[in-house]
N, C-alpha and C. Protein backbone atom coordinates (compact mmCIF):
# COMPACT_ATOMS: atom_id res chain seq x y z
N MET A 1 5.72 -28.79 38.22
CA MET A 1 5.24 -29.77 37.28
C MET A 1 5.66 -29.37 35.88
N ALA A 2 6.24 -30.28 35.14
CA ALA A 2 6.72 -30.01 33.78
C ALA A 2 5.56 -29.98 32.80
N PRO A 3 5.60 -29.07 31.82
CA PRO A 3 4.55 -29.03 30.80
C PRO A 3 4.64 -30.27 29.92
N ASP A 4 3.47 -30.73 29.43
CA ASP A 4 3.52 -31.88 28.53
C ASP A 4 3.75 -31.41 27.10
N ALA A 5 4.12 -32.34 26.23
CA ALA A 5 4.49 -32.03 24.85
C ALA A 5 3.35 -31.39 24.06
N SER A 6 2.11 -31.62 24.44
CA SER A 6 0.98 -31.06 23.68
C SER A 6 0.89 -29.55 23.81
N GLN A 7 1.60 -28.97 24.78
CA GLN A 7 1.56 -27.53 24.95
C GLN A 7 2.50 -26.79 24.01
N PHE A 8 3.39 -27.53 23.36
CA PHE A 8 4.35 -26.92 22.45
C PHE A 8 3.87 -27.06 21.02
N LYS A 9 3.97 -25.98 20.28
CA LYS A 9 3.59 -25.99 18.88
C LYS A 9 4.79 -26.41 18.04
N ALA A 10 4.61 -27.42 17.20
CA ALA A 10 5.70 -27.87 16.32
C ALA A 10 5.88 -26.86 15.20
N ALA A 11 7.12 -26.62 14.82
CA ALA A 11 7.41 -25.71 13.71
C ALA A 11 6.88 -26.32 12.42
N PRO A 12 6.33 -25.52 11.52
CA PRO A 12 5.79 -26.04 10.27
C PRO A 12 6.90 -26.55 9.35
N ASP A 13 6.54 -27.45 8.43
CA ASP A 13 7.51 -27.93 7.45
C ASP A 13 7.69 -26.87 6.36
N ALA A 14 8.58 -27.14 5.41
CA ALA A 14 8.94 -26.15 4.38
C ALA A 14 7.72 -25.69 3.57
N GLU A 15 6.87 -26.63 3.18
CA GLU A 15 5.71 -26.27 2.36
C GLU A 15 4.72 -25.41 3.14
N ALA A 16 4.51 -25.76 4.41
CA ALA A 16 3.60 -24.97 5.24
C ALA A 16 4.17 -23.58 5.50
N THR A 17 5.47 -23.51 5.72
CA THR A 17 6.13 -22.21 5.91
C THR A 17 6.01 -21.36 4.65
N LEU A 18 6.25 -21.97 3.50
CA LEU A 18 6.12 -21.25 2.23
C LEU A 18 4.70 -20.73 2.05
N LYS A 19 3.72 -21.56 2.30
CA LYS A 19 2.31 -21.16 2.15
C LYS A 19 1.98 -20.00 3.08
N LEU A 20 2.47 -20.06 4.32
CA LEU A 20 2.24 -18.99 5.28
C LEU A 20 2.86 -17.68 4.80
N ILE A 21 4.11 -17.75 4.35
CA ILE A 21 4.80 -16.55 3.87
C ILE A 21 4.07 -15.96 2.67
N LEU A 22 3.71 -16.79 1.70
CA LEU A 22 3.03 -16.29 0.50
C LEU A 22 1.68 -15.67 0.85
N SER A 23 0.99 -16.24 1.81
CA SER A 23 -0.29 -15.68 2.25
C SER A 23 -0.11 -14.30 2.86
N ARG A 24 0.91 -14.16 3.71
CA ARG A 24 1.17 -12.86 4.32
C ARG A 24 1.62 -11.83 3.29
N LEU A 25 2.41 -12.25 2.31
CA LEU A 25 2.83 -11.33 1.26
C LEU A 25 1.62 -10.83 0.48
N ASP A 26 0.69 -11.73 0.21
CA ASP A 26 -0.53 -11.35 -0.50
C ASP A 26 -1.36 -10.38 0.35
N ASP A 27 -1.49 -10.68 1.64
CA ASP A 27 -2.23 -9.80 2.55
C ASP A 27 -1.64 -8.40 2.60
N MET A 28 -0.32 -8.31 2.52
CA MET A 28 0.37 -7.03 2.64
C MET A 28 0.58 -6.33 1.30
N LYS A 29 0.01 -6.89 0.25
CA LYS A 29 0.09 -6.29 -1.09
C LYS A 29 1.52 -6.18 -1.61
N ALA A 30 2.34 -7.19 -1.29
CA ALA A 30 3.68 -7.26 -1.87
C ALA A 30 3.53 -7.46 -3.38
N GLU A 31 4.52 -7.01 -4.13
CA GLU A 31 4.41 -7.04 -5.59
C GLU A 31 5.47 -7.95 -6.21
N GLU A 32 5.13 -8.52 -7.36
CA GLU A 32 6.05 -9.32 -8.17
C GLU A 32 6.74 -10.42 -7.36
N THR A 33 5.96 -11.17 -6.63
CA THR A 33 6.51 -12.25 -5.80
C THR A 33 6.89 -13.44 -6.66
N VAL A 34 8.11 -13.92 -6.45
CA VAL A 34 8.64 -15.06 -7.19
C VAL A 34 9.11 -16.10 -6.17
N THR A 35 8.71 -17.36 -6.38
CA THR A 35 9.17 -18.46 -5.54
C THR A 35 10.13 -19.31 -6.34
N ILE A 36 11.30 -19.57 -5.79
CA ILE A 36 12.31 -20.39 -6.46
C ILE A 36 12.47 -21.67 -5.65
N ASP A 37 12.18 -22.80 -6.28
CA ASP A 37 12.26 -24.11 -5.64
C ASP A 37 13.69 -24.63 -5.72
N LEU A 38 14.32 -24.79 -4.58
CA LEU A 38 15.71 -25.26 -4.53
C LEU A 38 15.83 -26.64 -3.90
N ARG A 39 14.70 -27.35 -3.76
CA ARG A 39 14.77 -28.70 -3.19
C ARG A 39 15.65 -29.56 -4.08
N GLY A 40 16.61 -30.22 -3.48
CA GLY A 40 17.54 -31.06 -4.22
C GLY A 40 18.69 -30.29 -4.86
N LYS A 41 18.67 -28.98 -4.78
CA LYS A 41 19.72 -28.15 -5.37
C LYS A 41 20.55 -27.44 -4.31
N SER A 42 19.99 -27.31 -3.12
CA SER A 42 20.67 -26.60 -2.04
C SER A 42 20.48 -27.37 -0.74
N ALA A 43 21.54 -27.50 0.01
CA ALA A 43 21.46 -28.15 1.32
C ALA A 43 21.06 -27.14 2.40
N MET A 44 21.06 -25.84 2.05
CA MET A 44 20.78 -24.81 3.05
C MET A 44 19.29 -24.58 3.26
N PHE A 45 18.50 -24.55 2.19
CA PHE A 45 17.08 -24.29 2.31
C PHE A 45 16.35 -24.85 1.10
N ASP A 46 15.02 -24.93 1.21
CA ASP A 46 14.19 -25.52 0.16
C ASP A 46 13.63 -24.49 -0.82
N TYR A 47 13.34 -23.31 -0.33
CA TYR A 47 12.74 -22.28 -1.18
C TYR A 47 13.38 -20.91 -0.91
N VAL A 48 13.46 -20.11 -1.97
CA VAL A 48 13.80 -18.70 -1.87
C VAL A 48 12.61 -17.95 -2.44
N VAL A 49 12.15 -16.96 -1.71
CA VAL A 49 11.05 -16.11 -2.16
C VAL A 49 11.60 -14.70 -2.29
N VAL A 50 11.33 -14.07 -3.43
CA VAL A 50 11.77 -12.70 -3.69
C VAL A 50 10.52 -11.88 -3.97
N THR A 51 10.40 -10.75 -3.31
CA THR A 51 9.23 -9.90 -3.51
C THR A 51 9.62 -8.43 -3.37
N THR A 52 8.69 -7.56 -3.71
CA THR A 52 8.95 -6.12 -3.71
C THR A 52 7.91 -5.38 -2.90
N GLY A 53 8.40 -4.40 -2.13
CA GLY A 53 7.54 -3.43 -1.48
C GLY A 53 7.71 -2.10 -2.19
N ARG A 54 6.69 -1.27 -2.17
CA ARG A 54 6.71 -0.03 -2.94
C ARG A 54 7.69 1.01 -2.42
N ALA A 55 7.93 1.03 -1.12
CA ALA A 55 8.82 2.02 -0.49
C ALA A 55 9.39 1.41 0.78
N ASN A 56 10.32 2.11 1.42
CA ASN A 56 10.96 1.59 2.63
C ASN A 56 9.93 1.18 3.69
N ARG A 57 8.95 2.02 3.91
CA ARG A 57 7.93 1.72 4.94
C ARG A 57 7.15 0.47 4.59
N HIS A 58 6.84 0.29 3.30
CA HIS A 58 6.11 -0.91 2.87
C HIS A 58 6.98 -2.15 3.04
N VAL A 59 8.25 -2.06 2.69
CA VAL A 59 9.18 -3.18 2.87
C VAL A 59 9.23 -3.57 4.34
N GLY A 60 9.36 -2.57 5.22
CA GLY A 60 9.41 -2.84 6.66
C GLY A 60 8.14 -3.46 7.19
N ALA A 61 6.99 -2.95 6.74
CA ALA A 61 5.70 -3.49 7.19
C ALA A 61 5.52 -4.94 6.73
N ILE A 62 5.90 -5.23 5.49
CA ILE A 62 5.82 -6.60 4.99
C ILE A 62 6.68 -7.52 5.85
N ALA A 63 7.93 -7.12 6.07
CA ALA A 63 8.87 -7.95 6.84
C ALA A 63 8.37 -8.18 8.26
N GLU A 64 7.92 -7.15 8.93
CA GLU A 64 7.44 -7.29 10.30
C GLU A 64 6.22 -8.20 10.37
N ASN A 65 5.34 -8.09 9.39
CA ASN A 65 4.15 -8.93 9.35
C ASN A 65 4.52 -10.40 9.15
N VAL A 66 5.46 -10.67 8.27
CA VAL A 66 5.89 -12.05 8.03
C VAL A 66 6.58 -12.62 9.27
N VAL A 67 7.45 -11.85 9.90
CA VAL A 67 8.14 -12.32 11.10
C VAL A 67 7.13 -12.65 12.20
N LYS A 68 6.15 -11.80 12.38
CA LYS A 68 5.11 -12.04 13.39
C LYS A 68 4.38 -13.35 13.10
N ALA A 69 4.02 -13.57 11.85
CA ALA A 69 3.31 -14.79 11.47
C ALA A 69 4.17 -16.03 11.67
N LEU A 70 5.46 -15.93 11.35
CA LEU A 70 6.37 -17.07 11.55
C LEU A 70 6.48 -17.43 13.03
N LYS A 71 6.60 -16.43 13.87
CA LYS A 71 6.68 -16.68 15.31
C LYS A 71 5.40 -17.32 15.83
N GLN A 72 4.25 -16.84 15.35
CA GLN A 72 2.98 -17.41 15.77
C GLN A 72 2.82 -18.85 15.30
N ALA A 73 3.48 -19.19 14.19
CA ALA A 73 3.40 -20.54 13.63
C ALA A 73 4.38 -21.51 14.29
N GLY A 74 5.23 -21.02 15.17
CA GLY A 74 6.13 -21.91 15.88
C GLY A 74 7.58 -21.81 15.48
N ILE A 75 7.92 -20.89 14.60
CA ILE A 75 9.32 -20.65 14.26
C ILE A 75 9.79 -19.57 15.22
N ALA A 76 10.44 -20.00 16.29
CA ALA A 76 10.70 -19.13 17.43
C ALA A 76 11.57 -17.92 17.11
N ALA A 77 12.60 -18.11 16.30
CA ALA A 77 13.54 -17.02 16.09
C ALA A 77 14.00 -16.95 14.64
N PRO A 78 13.12 -16.49 13.73
CA PRO A 78 13.61 -16.32 12.36
C PRO A 78 14.71 -15.27 12.33
N HIS A 79 15.73 -15.51 11.52
CA HIS A 79 16.85 -14.57 11.42
C HIS A 79 16.45 -13.45 10.46
N VAL A 80 16.60 -12.21 10.90
CA VAL A 80 16.20 -11.05 10.09
C VAL A 80 17.38 -10.11 9.95
N GLU A 81 17.61 -9.66 8.72
CA GLU A 81 18.66 -8.66 8.45
C GLU A 81 18.07 -7.55 7.59
N GLY A 82 18.54 -6.33 7.81
CA GLY A 82 18.16 -5.20 6.97
C GLY A 82 16.95 -4.42 7.41
N LEU A 83 16.34 -4.79 8.52
CA LEU A 83 15.11 -4.12 8.95
C LEU A 83 15.31 -2.64 9.29
N PRO A 84 16.44 -2.22 9.85
CA PRO A 84 16.58 -0.79 10.16
C PRO A 84 16.49 0.13 8.93
N ASN A 85 17.05 -0.28 7.78
CA ASN A 85 17.03 0.58 6.59
C ASN A 85 15.87 0.29 5.67
N CYS A 86 15.45 -0.95 5.60
CA CYS A 86 14.31 -1.38 4.79
C CYS A 86 14.49 -1.17 3.29
N ASP A 87 15.73 -1.17 2.80
CA ASP A 87 15.95 -1.21 1.36
C ASP A 87 15.81 -2.65 0.87
N TRP A 88 16.33 -3.56 1.71
CA TRP A 88 16.33 -4.99 1.40
C TRP A 88 16.31 -5.71 2.74
N VAL A 89 15.26 -6.46 3.00
CA VAL A 89 15.15 -7.22 4.25
C VAL A 89 15.20 -8.69 3.91
N LEU A 90 16.06 -9.41 4.62
CA LEU A 90 16.18 -10.86 4.46
C LEU A 90 15.60 -11.51 5.71
N ILE A 91 14.73 -12.51 5.50
CA ILE A 91 14.17 -13.28 6.60
C ILE A 91 14.47 -14.74 6.34
N ASP A 92 15.24 -15.35 7.23
CA ASP A 92 15.61 -16.75 7.12
C ASP A 92 14.80 -17.53 8.14
N SER A 93 13.86 -18.33 7.66
CA SER A 93 13.02 -19.11 8.56
C SER A 93 13.48 -20.57 8.65
N GLY A 94 14.64 -20.85 8.11
CA GLY A 94 15.15 -22.22 8.11
C GLY A 94 15.02 -22.84 6.73
N ASP A 95 13.85 -23.33 6.40
CA ASP A 95 13.62 -23.98 5.11
C ASP A 95 13.28 -22.99 3.99
N VAL A 96 12.84 -21.80 4.36
CA VAL A 96 12.45 -20.79 3.38
C VAL A 96 13.16 -19.48 3.71
N VAL A 97 13.78 -18.89 2.69
CA VAL A 97 14.43 -17.58 2.85
C VAL A 97 13.64 -16.58 2.01
N LEU A 98 13.28 -15.47 2.64
CA LEU A 98 12.51 -14.43 1.98
C LEU A 98 13.37 -13.18 1.84
N HIS A 99 13.35 -12.60 0.63
CA HIS A 99 14.00 -11.32 0.35
C HIS A 99 12.90 -10.34 -0.01
N VAL A 100 12.82 -9.23 0.72
CA VAL A 100 11.86 -8.16 0.43
C VAL A 100 12.66 -6.93 0.03
N PHE A 101 12.45 -6.47 -1.18
CA PHE A 101 13.23 -5.37 -1.75
C PHE A 101 12.36 -4.14 -2.05
N ARG A 102 13.02 -2.98 -2.07
CA ARG A 102 12.46 -1.83 -2.78
C ARG A 102 12.70 -2.10 -4.27
N PRO A 103 11.90 -1.56 -5.17
CA PRO A 103 12.04 -1.89 -6.60
C PRO A 103 13.44 -1.67 -7.19
N GLU A 104 14.06 -0.54 -6.87
CA GLU A 104 15.37 -0.23 -7.45
C GLU A 104 16.44 -1.19 -6.96
N VAL A 105 16.35 -1.56 -5.70
CA VAL A 105 17.34 -2.46 -5.11
C VAL A 105 17.18 -3.86 -5.69
N ARG A 106 15.94 -4.29 -5.88
CA ARG A 106 15.69 -5.61 -6.47
C ARG A 106 16.24 -5.66 -7.89
N GLU A 107 16.01 -4.63 -8.65
CA GLU A 107 16.52 -4.60 -10.02
C GLU A 107 18.04 -4.64 -10.05
N PHE A 108 18.67 -3.93 -9.11
CA PHE A 108 20.13 -3.88 -9.07
C PHE A 108 20.73 -5.26 -8.78
N TYR A 109 20.21 -5.95 -7.77
CA TYR A 109 20.79 -7.23 -7.37
C TYR A 109 20.32 -8.41 -8.22
N ASN A 110 19.11 -8.36 -8.73
CA ASN A 110 18.58 -9.37 -9.64
C ASN A 110 18.82 -10.81 -9.12
N LEU A 111 18.38 -11.08 -7.91
CA LEU A 111 18.60 -12.39 -7.28
C LEU A 111 17.93 -13.53 -8.04
N GLU A 112 16.82 -13.26 -8.70
CA GLU A 112 16.15 -14.34 -9.44
C GLU A 112 17.10 -14.96 -10.46
N ARG A 113 17.86 -14.14 -11.14
CA ARG A 113 18.81 -14.64 -12.13
C ARG A 113 19.88 -15.48 -11.46
N LEU A 114 20.37 -15.02 -10.32
CA LEU A 114 21.40 -15.74 -9.58
C LEU A 114 20.93 -17.14 -9.20
N TRP A 115 19.70 -17.27 -8.70
CA TRP A 115 19.21 -18.55 -8.21
C TRP A 115 18.64 -19.44 -9.30
N THR A 116 18.24 -18.89 -10.43
CA THR A 116 17.63 -19.73 -11.46
C THR A 116 18.58 -20.07 -12.59
N GLN A 117 19.67 -19.32 -12.73
CA GLN A 117 20.62 -19.56 -13.79
C GLN A 117 21.64 -20.60 -13.33
N GLY A 118 21.84 -21.62 -14.10
CA GLY A 118 22.81 -22.66 -13.74
C GLY A 118 24.23 -22.14 -13.88
N PRO A 119 25.19 -22.91 -13.36
CA PRO A 119 26.59 -22.48 -13.49
C PRO A 119 27.02 -22.48 -14.95
N SER A 120 27.85 -21.51 -15.28
CA SER A 120 28.37 -21.40 -16.64
C SER A 120 29.51 -22.39 -16.83
N PRO A 121 29.59 -22.99 -18.01
CA PRO A 121 30.74 -23.89 -18.25
C PRO A 121 32.03 -23.10 -18.27
N ALA A 122 33.11 -23.72 -17.84
CA ALA A 122 34.42 -23.04 -17.83
C ALA A 122 34.88 -22.81 -19.26
N LYS A 123 35.44 -21.64 -19.50
CA LYS A 123 35.97 -21.33 -20.83
C LYS A 123 37.39 -21.84 -20.94
N THR A 124 37.70 -22.37 -22.08
CA THR A 124 39.06 -22.82 -22.32
C THR A 124 39.78 -21.78 -23.15
N LEU A 125 41.05 -21.63 -22.89
CA LEU A 125 41.84 -20.64 -23.62
C LEU A 125 42.60 -21.29 -24.76
């Protein structure tokens, strides 16, 4: 007998996913969390979230906690990169991309500037 549709949990929309991620970041004591709204600016995703963990272990714990919550919410396979080293972990949940950094790595890459700064006009010679 085939299961009926009510047994399957629908994946949350972008706003619900963002709210879930931000809640887990708060629970895990992530620091300096920034949300960048890219709706209408990017065809790839709606939000980018950048946050900091105090050390490699904290970065890993934050990432694992968020991935667990996403799976429980119906996002079956969020894409995760960087978990073995935990200097910088990227979690792509579809509509929301989360970057969890160690402080030094976040400062070096400065992703907030990349995503919030518009393109520079071309210089003429």
